[in-house]
N, C-alpha and C. Protein backbone atom coordinates (compact mmCIF):
# COMPACT_ATOMS: atom_id res chain seq x y z
N UNK A 1 -28.41 5.20 -13.65
CA UNK A 1 -28.09 4.73 -12.32
C UNK A 1 -26.68 4.17 -12.22
N UNK A 2 -26.09 3.79 -13.34
CA UNK A 2 -24.79 3.12 -13.31
C UNK A 2 -23.70 4.01 -12.72
N UNK A 3 -23.70 5.27 -13.08
CA UNK A 3 -22.66 6.17 -12.57
C UNK A 3 -22.76 6.33 -11.05
N UNK A 4 -23.98 6.49 -10.55
CA UNK A 4 -24.17 6.63 -9.10
C UNK A 4 -23.75 5.34 -8.38
N UNK A 5 -24.03 4.20 -8.96
CA UNK A 5 -23.64 2.92 -8.35
C UNK A 5 -22.12 2.77 -8.36
N UNK A 6 -21.48 3.18 -9.46
CA UNK A 6 -20.03 3.10 -9.53
C UNK A 6 -19.40 4.02 -8.50
N UNK A 7 -19.91 5.23 -8.38
CA UNK A 7 -19.38 6.17 -7.39
C UNK A 7 -19.51 5.61 -5.98
N UNK A 8 -20.67 5.04 -5.67
CA UNK A 8 -20.89 4.47 -4.34
C UNK A 8 -19.91 3.33 -4.06
N UNK A 9 -19.66 2.48 -5.04
CA UNK A 9 -18.73 1.37 -4.86
C UNK A 9 -17.30 1.88 -4.67
N UNK A 10 -16.92 2.86 -5.48
CA UNK A 10 -15.56 3.40 -5.40
C UNK A 10 -15.29 4.14 -4.09
N UNK A 11 -16.32 4.72 -3.53
CA UNK A 11 -16.14 5.44 -2.26
C UNK A 11 -15.74 4.50 -1.13
N UNK A 12 -15.91 3.23 -1.31
CA UNK A 12 -15.52 2.24 -0.28
C UNK A 12 -14.02 1.92 -0.35
N UNK A 13 -13.37 2.40 -1.41
CA UNK A 13 -11.94 2.14 -1.59
C UNK A 13 -11.13 3.36 -1.14
N UNK A 14 -9.87 3.13 -0.81
CA UNK A 14 -8.98 4.19 -0.36
C UNK A 14 -8.16 4.70 -1.54
N UNK A 15 -8.41 5.94 -2.01
CA UNK A 15 -7.66 6.47 -3.16
C UNK A 15 -6.15 6.50 -2.93
N UNK A 16 -5.71 6.51 -1.69
CA UNK A 16 -4.27 6.52 -1.41
C UNK A 16 -3.64 5.14 -1.63
N UNK A 17 -4.46 4.10 -1.67
CA UNK A 17 -3.94 2.73 -1.78
C UNK A 17 -4.29 2.04 -3.09
N UNK A 18 -5.08 2.71 -3.93
CA UNK A 18 -5.56 2.09 -5.16
C UNK A 18 -5.19 2.96 -6.35
N UNK A 19 -4.60 2.35 -7.36
CA UNK A 19 -4.39 3.04 -8.64
C UNK A 19 -5.58 2.69 -9.51
N UNK A 20 -6.33 3.69 -9.90
CA UNK A 20 -7.56 3.46 -10.65
C UNK A 20 -7.36 3.79 -12.12
N UNK A 21 -7.62 2.80 -12.96
CA UNK A 21 -7.57 2.95 -14.41
C UNK A 21 -8.99 2.95 -14.92
N UNK A 22 -9.29 3.79 -15.90
CA UNK A 22 -10.66 3.88 -16.38
C UNK A 22 -10.71 4.48 -17.77
N UNK A 23 -11.90 4.52 -18.34
CA UNK A 23 -12.14 5.23 -19.60
C UNK A 23 -12.53 6.67 -19.26
N UNK A 24 -12.36 7.55 -20.20
CA UNK A 24 -12.71 8.96 -19.98
C UNK A 24 -14.21 9.15 -19.85
N UNK A 25 -14.56 10.24 -19.17
CA UNK A 25 -15.95 10.69 -19.11
C UNK A 25 -16.90 9.76 -18.41
N UNK A 26 -18.06 9.60 -19.01
CA UNK A 26 -19.15 8.85 -18.40
C UNK A 26 -18.87 7.35 -18.27
N UNK A 27 -17.86 6.86 -18.96
CA UNK A 27 -17.54 5.42 -18.87
C UNK A 27 -16.64 5.10 -17.69
N UNK A 28 -16.51 6.02 -16.74
CA UNK A 28 -15.75 5.71 -15.53
C UNK A 28 -15.05 6.88 -14.88
N UNK A 29 -14.46 7.74 -15.67
CA UNK A 29 -13.70 8.86 -15.11
C UNK A 29 -14.57 9.76 -14.23
N UNK A 30 -15.77 10.07 -14.68
CA UNK A 30 -16.64 10.97 -13.90
C UNK A 30 -16.96 10.38 -12.53
N UNK A 31 -17.31 9.10 -12.49
CA UNK A 31 -17.62 8.44 -11.22
C UNK A 31 -16.39 8.37 -10.33
N UNK A 32 -15.25 8.09 -10.92
CA UNK A 32 -14.01 7.99 -10.15
C UNK A 32 -13.67 9.33 -9.50
N UNK A 33 -13.78 10.40 -10.25
CA UNK A 33 -13.49 11.72 -9.69
C UNK A 33 -14.49 12.09 -8.60
N UNK A 34 -15.75 11.74 -8.81
CA UNK A 34 -16.78 12.01 -7.79
C UNK A 34 -16.50 11.25 -6.50
N UNK A 35 -15.80 10.11 -6.61
CA UNK A 35 -15.46 9.30 -5.44
C UNK A 35 -14.13 9.70 -4.81
N UNK A 36 -13.49 10.73 -5.36
CA UNK A 36 -12.24 11.22 -4.77
C UNK A 36 -10.96 10.71 -5.38
N UNK A 37 -11.06 10.03 -6.52
CA UNK A 37 -9.88 9.49 -7.19
C UNK A 37 -9.37 10.47 -8.25
N UNK A 38 -8.10 10.32 -8.58
CA UNK A 38 -7.49 10.99 -9.73
C UNK A 38 -7.10 9.86 -10.69
N UNK A 39 -8.06 9.35 -11.47
CA UNK A 39 -7.83 8.15 -12.26
C UNK A 39 -6.90 8.37 -13.45
N UNK A 40 -6.30 7.28 -13.88
CA UNK A 40 -5.53 7.26 -15.13
C UNK A 40 -6.48 6.75 -16.21
N UNK A 41 -6.63 7.48 -17.28
CA UNK A 41 -7.53 7.02 -18.34
C UNK A 41 -6.77 6.21 -19.38
N UNK A 42 -7.40 5.14 -19.83
CA UNK A 42 -6.77 4.24 -20.80
C UNK A 42 -7.53 4.17 -22.12
N UNK A 43 -8.71 4.79 -22.18
CA UNK A 43 -9.53 4.76 -23.40
C UNK A 43 -10.38 6.03 -23.43
N UNK A 44 -10.55 6.58 -24.62
CA UNK A 44 -11.39 7.77 -24.77
C UNK A 44 -12.54 7.47 -25.72
N UNK A 45 -13.69 7.09 -25.17
CA UNK A 45 -14.85 6.79 -26.02
C UNK A 45 -15.49 8.07 -26.55
N UNK A 46 -16.28 7.94 -27.61
CA UNK A 46 -17.05 9.11 -28.06
C UNK A 46 -18.10 9.46 -27.02
N UNK A 47 -18.78 10.57 -27.20
CA UNK A 47 -19.76 11.00 -26.20
C UNK A 47 -20.88 9.97 -26.01
N UNK A 48 -21.26 9.29 -27.04
CA UNK A 48 -22.26 8.22 -26.93
C UNK A 48 -21.52 6.90 -27.09
N UNK A 49 -21.23 6.23 -25.98
CA UNK A 49 -20.43 5.00 -26.05
C UNK A 49 -21.28 3.83 -26.52
N UNK A 50 -20.59 2.79 -26.96
CA UNK A 50 -21.24 1.60 -27.49
C UNK A 50 -20.61 0.35 -26.89
N UNK A 51 -21.14 -0.79 -27.30
CA UNK A 51 -20.57 -2.07 -26.86
C UNK A 51 -19.10 -2.16 -27.28
N UNK A 52 -18.77 -1.64 -28.43
CA UNK A 52 -17.38 -1.66 -28.90
C UNK A 52 -16.48 -0.88 -27.95
N UNK A 53 -16.99 0.19 -27.36
CA UNK A 53 -16.20 0.97 -26.41
C UNK A 53 -16.00 0.20 -25.10
N UNK A 54 -17.00 -0.54 -24.68
CA UNK A 54 -16.86 -1.37 -23.49
C UNK A 54 -15.76 -2.39 -23.70
N UNK A 55 -15.77 -3.04 -24.86
CA UNK A 55 -14.76 -4.04 -25.18
C UNK A 55 -13.38 -3.40 -25.31
N UNK A 56 -13.30 -2.25 -25.99
CA UNK A 56 -12.02 -1.56 -26.15
C UNK A 56 -11.46 -1.12 -24.80
N UNK A 57 -12.34 -0.66 -23.92
CA UNK A 57 -11.88 -0.25 -22.59
C UNK A 57 -11.36 -1.44 -21.80
N UNK A 58 -12.08 -2.55 -21.84
CA UNK A 58 -11.63 -3.75 -21.12
C UNK A 58 -10.27 -4.21 -21.64
N UNK A 59 -10.08 -4.18 -22.93
CA UNK A 59 -8.78 -4.58 -23.50
C UNK A 59 -7.68 -3.61 -23.08
N UNK A 60 -7.99 -2.32 -23.08
CA UNK A 60 -7.00 -1.32 -22.66
C UNK A 60 -6.65 -1.49 -21.19
N UNK A 61 -7.64 -1.81 -20.36
CA UNK A 61 -7.38 -2.04 -18.94
C UNK A 61 -6.47 -3.24 -18.74
N UNK A 62 -6.74 -4.33 -19.46
CA UNK A 62 -5.88 -5.51 -19.36
C UNK A 62 -4.47 -5.18 -19.83
N UNK A 63 -4.37 -4.44 -20.93
CA UNK A 63 -3.06 -4.06 -21.45
C UNK A 63 -2.28 -3.16 -20.50
N UNK A 64 -3.01 -2.40 -19.69
CA UNK A 64 -2.36 -1.50 -18.72
C UNK A 64 -2.04 -2.20 -17.41
N UNK A 65 -2.39 -3.49 -17.31
CA UNK A 65 -2.05 -4.26 -16.12
C UNK A 65 -3.07 -4.25 -15.00
N UNK A 66 -4.31 -3.97 -15.30
CA UNK A 66 -5.35 -3.96 -14.27
C UNK A 66 -5.46 -5.32 -13.59
N UNK A 67 -5.63 -5.31 -12.28
CA UNK A 67 -5.79 -6.54 -11.50
C UNK A 67 -7.25 -6.92 -11.30
N UNK A 68 -8.13 -5.94 -11.38
CA UNK A 68 -9.56 -6.16 -11.12
C UNK A 68 -10.36 -5.26 -12.04
N UNK A 69 -11.43 -5.79 -12.60
CA UNK A 69 -12.33 -5.01 -13.44
C UNK A 69 -13.64 -4.85 -12.69
N UNK A 70 -13.96 -3.62 -12.35
CA UNK A 70 -15.22 -3.29 -11.69
C UNK A 70 -16.06 -2.55 -12.70
N UNK A 71 -17.27 -3.04 -12.96
CA UNK A 71 -18.13 -2.34 -13.89
C UNK A 71 -19.50 -2.14 -13.28
N UNK A 72 -20.15 -1.09 -13.71
CA UNK A 72 -21.52 -0.80 -13.27
C UNK A 72 -22.35 -0.70 -14.53
N UNK A 73 -23.14 -1.69 -14.77
CA UNK A 73 -23.97 -1.72 -15.96
C UNK A 73 -24.97 -2.84 -15.83
N UNK A 74 -25.62 -3.11 -16.90
CA UNK A 74 -26.63 -4.15 -16.89
C UNK A 74 -26.17 -5.41 -17.59
N UNK A 75 -27.15 -6.19 -18.00
CA UNK A 75 -26.87 -7.47 -18.66
C UNK A 75 -26.07 -7.28 -19.95
N UNK A 76 -26.37 -6.22 -20.69
CA UNK A 76 -25.65 -5.97 -21.94
C UNK A 76 -24.17 -5.72 -21.70
N UNK A 77 -23.86 -4.95 -20.68
CA UNK A 77 -22.46 -4.68 -20.37
C UNK A 77 -21.76 -5.97 -19.94
N UNK A 78 -22.43 -6.76 -19.13
CA UNK A 78 -21.85 -8.05 -18.70
C UNK A 78 -21.59 -8.94 -19.90
N UNK A 79 -22.54 -9.01 -20.85
CA UNK A 79 -22.35 -9.82 -22.06
C UNK A 79 -21.16 -9.31 -22.88
N UNK A 80 -21.05 -7.99 -22.99
CA UNK A 80 -19.93 -7.40 -23.75
C UNK A 80 -18.61 -7.79 -23.13
N UNK A 81 -18.53 -7.78 -21.82
CA UNK A 81 -17.28 -8.09 -21.14
C UNK A 81 -16.94 -9.57 -21.18
N UNK A 82 -17.93 -10.42 -21.15
CA UNK A 82 -17.68 -11.86 -21.18
C UNK A 82 -17.48 -12.42 -22.58
N UNK A 83 -17.93 -11.66 -23.57
CA UNK A 83 -17.90 -12.12 -24.96
C UNK A 83 -16.59 -12.23 -25.58
């Protein structure tokens, strides 16, 4: 459900006014493209991502100058990001 939720949230944004940074594939790129964005990818996780990939993506986003982190996940993802 996370990808569908991310796509729905992103569709509320204007791709002409937002620069979207994300991880490749299922960790964000797929949802971004489905919402009409041409995202810049900052991390390439393996096909089966892990908590380490969530953390690596968040660090890469911060390093790339992201102003806002939007995530679609559950309690585990929230813990990974706050940890």
